[in-house]
Protein backbone atom coordinates (compact mmCIF):
# COMPACT_ATOMS: atom_id res chain seq x y z
CA UNK A 1 -9.12 42.98 0.28
CA UNK A 2 -8.73 44.18 -3.25
CA UNK A 3 -5.94 46.41 -4.79
CA UNK A 4 -6.91 48.40 -7.80
CA UNK A 5 -4.32 50.49 -9.70
CA UNK A 6 -6.69 52.42 -11.74
CA UNK A 7 -9.96 54.15 -11.30
CA UNK A 8 -12.14 50.98 -10.90
CA UNK A 9 -14.84 50.59 -8.26
CA UNK A 10 -15.37 47.01 -8.87
CA UNK A 11 -11.99 45.12 -8.93
CA UNK A 12 -12.21 41.55 -10.00
CA UNK A 13 -9.10 40.22 -8.43
CA UNK A 14 -6.86 40.51 -5.53
CA UNK A 15 -4.58 42.59 -7.78
CA UNK A 16 -6.35 44.00 -10.87
CA UNK A 17 -4.72 46.13 -13.52
CA UNK A 18 -7.43 47.63 -15.58
CA UNK A 19 -7.44 49.37 -19.07
CA UNK A 20 -5.83 49.35 -22.51
CA UNK A 21 -2.44 48.72 -21.09
CA UNK A 22 -3.14 46.02 -18.62
CA UNK A 23 -0.68 43.20 -18.55
CA UNK A 24 -0.97 41.20 -15.50
CA UNK A 25 -4.03 39.61 -13.44
CA UNK A 26 -3.88 37.26 -10.70
CA UNK A 27 -6.95 35.09 -9.70
CA UNK A 28 -7.98 33.04 -6.83
CA UNK A 29 -8.29 29.38 -7.29
CA UNK A 30 -11.97 29.59 -7.32
CA UNK A 31 -12.26 32.22 -10.25
CA UNK A 32 -10.42 30.31 -12.80
CA UNK A 33 -8.39 27.28 -13.45
CA UNK A 34 -5.19 29.32 -13.72
CA UNK A 35 -3.27 30.68 -10.73
CA UNK A 36 -1.95 33.49 -12.91
CA UNK A 37 -3.00 34.97 -16.33
CA UNK A 38 -1.16 37.53 -18.46
CA UNK A 39 -3.31 39.11 -21.10
CA UNK A 40 -3.90 42.17 -23.30
CA UNK A 41 -7.44 41.48 -24.18
CA UNK A 42 -10.21 39.13 -22.89
CA UNK A 43 -8.87 36.20 -24.84
CA UNK A 44 -6.20 35.66 -22.20
CA UNK A 45 -2.86 35.09 -23.99
CA UNK A 46 -0.98 33.52 -21.28
CA UNK A 47 -1.74 31.33 -18.33
CA UNK A 48 0.11 29.76 -15.53
CA UNK A 49 -2.15 26.85 -14.15
CA UNK A 50 -2.17 25.45 -10.76
CA UNK A 51 0.18 22.51 -11.81
CA UNK A 52 2.71 25.24 -12.72
CA UNK A 53 2.37 24.71 -16.49
CA UNK A 54 2.79 27.80 -18.61
CA UNK A 55 0.40 28.26 -21.80
CA UNK A 56 0.74 30.73 -24.40
CA UNK A 57 -2.63 30.97 -26.40
CA UNK A 58 -4.34 28.48 -24.32
CA UNK A 59 -6.10 28.64 -20.82
CA UNK A 60 -5.37 24.89 -20.24
CA UNK A 61 -1.59 24.20 -20.71
CA UNK A 62 -1.05 20.36 -20.41
CA UNK A 63 2.77 20.69 -20.31
CA UNK A 64 5.46 22.76 -18.71
CA UNK A 65 5.36 24.95 -21.82
CA UNK A 66 2.38 24.75 -24.20
CA UNK A 67 2.12 27.05 -27.44
CA UNK A 68 -1.12 26.96 -29.06
CA UNK A 69 -2.45 29.20 -32.06
CA UNK A 70 -5.43 28.93 -34.49
CA UNK A 71 -2.92 29.13 -37.40
CA UNK A 72 0.61 28.17 -36.29
CA UNK A 73 2.74 28.09 -33.10
CA UNK A 74 6.48 29.06 -33.65
CA UNK A 75 8.95 29.21 -30.94
CA UNK A 76 11.57 31.85 -32.01
CA UNK A 77 15.18 32.00 -31.16
CA UNK A 78 16.95 35.06 -32.34
CA UNK A 79 20.73 36.10 -31.80
CA UNK A 80 21.20 39.92 -31.63
CA UNK A 81 24.87 40.68 -31.88
CA UNK A 82 27.08 43.08 -33.67
CA UNK A 83 28.71 40.11 -35.76
CA UNK A 84 27.52 36.46 -36.33
CA UNK A 85 30.43 34.34 -37.57
CA UNK A 86 30.75 30.74 -38.79
CA UNK A 87 29.91 28.41 -36.17
CA UNK A 88 28.26 30.90 -33.80
CA UNK A 89 25.31 29.26 -32.00
CA UNK A 90 21.91 30.84 -33.01
CA UNK A 91 19.90 28.87 -30.62
CA UNK A 92 19.25 25.47 -29.47
CA UNK A 93 17.77 22.69 -27.12
CA UNK A 94 19.49 20.98 -24.30
CA UNK A 95 18.18 17.72 -22.83
CA UNK A 96 19.39 16.38 -19.46
CA UNK A 97 18.29 15.19 -16.13
CA UNK A 98 19.19 14.12 -12.50
CA UNK A 99 19.17 10.85 -10.60
CA UNK A 100 19.89 12.04 -7.08
CA UNK A 101 16.91 14.41 -6.41
CA UNK A 102 18.84 17.36 -8.01
CA UNK A 103 22.14 17.33 -6.15
CA UNK A 104 24.10 16.84 -9.47
CA UNK A 105 22.67 17.34 -13.06
CA UNK A 106 23.74 16.44 -16.55
CA UNK A 107 22.39 19.39 -18.42
CA UNK A 108 23.37 18.54 -22.10
CA UNK A 109 23.25 14.98 -22.43
CA UNK A 110 21.55 15.54 -25.80
CA UNK A 111 21.97 18.86 -27.62
CA UNK A 112 20.28 20.28 -30.87
CA UNK A 113 21.90 23.46 -32.01
CA UNK A 114 21.32 26.00 -34.91
CA UNK A 115 24.57 27.50 -35.81
CA UNK A 116 25.74 30.11 -38.55
CA UNK A 117 27.10 28.42 -41.62
CA UNK A 118 29.55 30.97 -42.81
CA UNK A 119 29.84 34.61 -41.57
CA UNK A 120 26.48 36.60 -41.62
CA UNK A 121 25.61 39.93 -43.01
CA UNK A 122 22.02 40.39 -42.63
CA UNK A 123 22.04 43.73 -44.56
CA UNK A 124 23.20 41.83 -47.50
CA UNK A 125 20.86 38.80 -46.95
CA UNK A 126 23.61 36.46 -45.99
CA UNK A 127 22.57 34.24 -43.08
CA UNK A 128 23.54 30.63 -43.84
CA UNK A 129 22.77 28.19 -41.17
CA UNK A 130 23.41 24.46 -40.19
CA UNK A 131 22.05 22.29 -37.59
CA UNK A 132 24.17 19.98 -35.43
CA UNK A 133 22.69 16.97 -33.19
CA UNK A 134 24.82 15.70 -30.33
CA UNK A 135 24.48 12.66 -28.22
CA UNK A 136 26.23 10.96 -25.36
CA UNK A 137 26.96 7.30 -25.56
CA UNK A 138 26.09 4.91 -22.77
CA UNK A 139 28.71 4.90 -20.06
CA UNK A 140 29.94 8.50 -20.71
CA UNK A 141 28.88 11.98 -19.76
CA UNK A 142 30.47 13.69 -22.68
CA UNK A 143 28.32 14.56 -25.75
CA UNK A 144 29.66 14.63 -29.21
CA UNK A 145 28.40 15.67 -32.90
CA UNK A 146 26.76 12.75 -34.44
CA UNK A 147 25.01 14.35 -37.39
CA UNK A 148 25.20 17.81 -39.16
CA UNK A 149 22.95 19.29 -41.79
CA UNK A 150 24.72 21.97 -43.66
CA UNK A 151 22.91 24.92 -45.30
CA UNK A 152 23.54 23.46 -48.48
CA UNK A 153 21.28 20.52 -47.53
CA UNK A 154 24.27 18.04 -47.37
CA UNK A 155 24.26 15.63 -44.42
CA UNK A 156 27.22 14.17 -42.40
CA UNK A 157 26.90 11.53 -39.88
CA UNK A 158 29.96 11.47 -37.51
CA UNK A 159 32.77 13.86 -38.04
CA UNK A 160 32.90 17.58 -37.59
CA UNK A 161 30.67 20.11 -39.43
CA UNK A 162 33.49 21.29 -41.25
CA UNK A 163 34.08 17.98 -42.69
CA UNK A 164 30.64 18.07 -44.50
CA UNK A 165 30.47 19.29 -48.02
CA UNK A 166 29.36 22.79 -48.03
CA UNK A 167 28.40 22.94 -51.85
CA UNK A 168 24.98 22.16 -53.00
CA UNK A 169 24.75 18.49 -54.29
CA UNK A 170 22.65 16.75 -51.55
CA UNK A 171 25.49 14.41 -50.28
CA UNK A 172 25.03 11.89 -47.45
CA UNK A 173 28.55 11.50 -45.86
CA UNK A 174 29.56 8.95 -43.21
CA UNK A 175 32.70 9.51 -41.09
CA UNK A 176 34.38 6.92 -39.00
CA UNK A 177 37.86 5.40 -38.25
CA UNK A 178 38.93 2.13 -39.57
CA UNK A 179 37.87 -0.34 -42.32
CA UNK A 180 34.16 -1.17 -42.04
CA UNK A 181 33.46 1.51 -39.67
CA UNK A 182 31.32 3.57 -42.00
CA UNK A 183 28.54 1.44 -43.35
CA UNK A 184 25.32 1.98 -45.05
CA UNK A 185 22.98 -1.23 -44.68
CA UNK A 186 19.55 -2.00 -46.21
CA UNK A 187 17.88 -4.72 -44.28
CA UNK A 188 14.47 -6.05 -43.41
CA UNK A 189 13.02 -7.85 -40.32
CA UNK A 190 14.35 -11.12 -41.97
CA UNK A 191 17.80 -10.16 -42.32
CA UNK A 192 20.36 -8.04 -44.22
CA UNK A 193 20.06 -7.48 -47.83
CA UNK A 194 22.80 -5.07 -48.85
CA UNK A 195 25.77 -3.60 -46.94
CA UNK A 196 28.00 -0.89 -48.36
CA UNK A 197 31.07 0.01 -46.25
CA UNK A 198 33.86 2.52 -46.62
CA UNK A 199 36.40 1.56 -49.32
CA UNK A 200 33.36 0.59 -51.54
CA UNK A 201 33.18 -3.00 -50.10
CA UNK A 202 29.71 -4.44 -50.84
CA UNK A 203 28.14 -7.40 -49.21
CA UNK A 204 24.90 -8.91 -50.38
CA UNK A 205 22.72 -11.01 -48.08
CA UNK A 206 25.50 -10.69 -45.55
CA UNK A 207 26.67 -8.26 -42.83
CA UNK A 208 30.26 -8.66 -43.75
CA UNK A 209 31.80 -6.93 -46.92
CA UNK A 210 34.20 -8.64 -49.06
């Protein structure tokens, strides 16, 4: 009833790989809370529990992917290529869903991507980056860029990444079409205190600009 792939007279699982290079161990439900554990030492680095949650660094994952560490838990995205040019995607997150049981999906209703900000040359320590945030408005299925953070630290809301200043200076830029479309508003729970719209129109204690 047991399969042993090395010299071991006492296998502890249905399939048991034993030794310094062991990588995979499958347990029955009664042996542990995990249906599958992948490890290189007794601390058991990776688990898939009976709820199909996958844990790295934890034997009790509480979500589909659970990363845990005593010091830090990073998720690494790396593009391995012969060249990386301005605008090339380095990695990202896609958010989506389905409402008909899986017949049709929207896989990218919201998107966060890390992209190259300028052409890369890792040998020369040139690896500029920017973050783009995309969302989809209600009543649509097409996402568009809503915010860009350039490698310079400048932030653009609306518009394209190329519209945002690339030089250092900590700019906050708002892009829109039509007078009053780009607006910075300072407000409290009791009402609007200050409104600044494109064209340098300013309204105090009013939503409308002069």
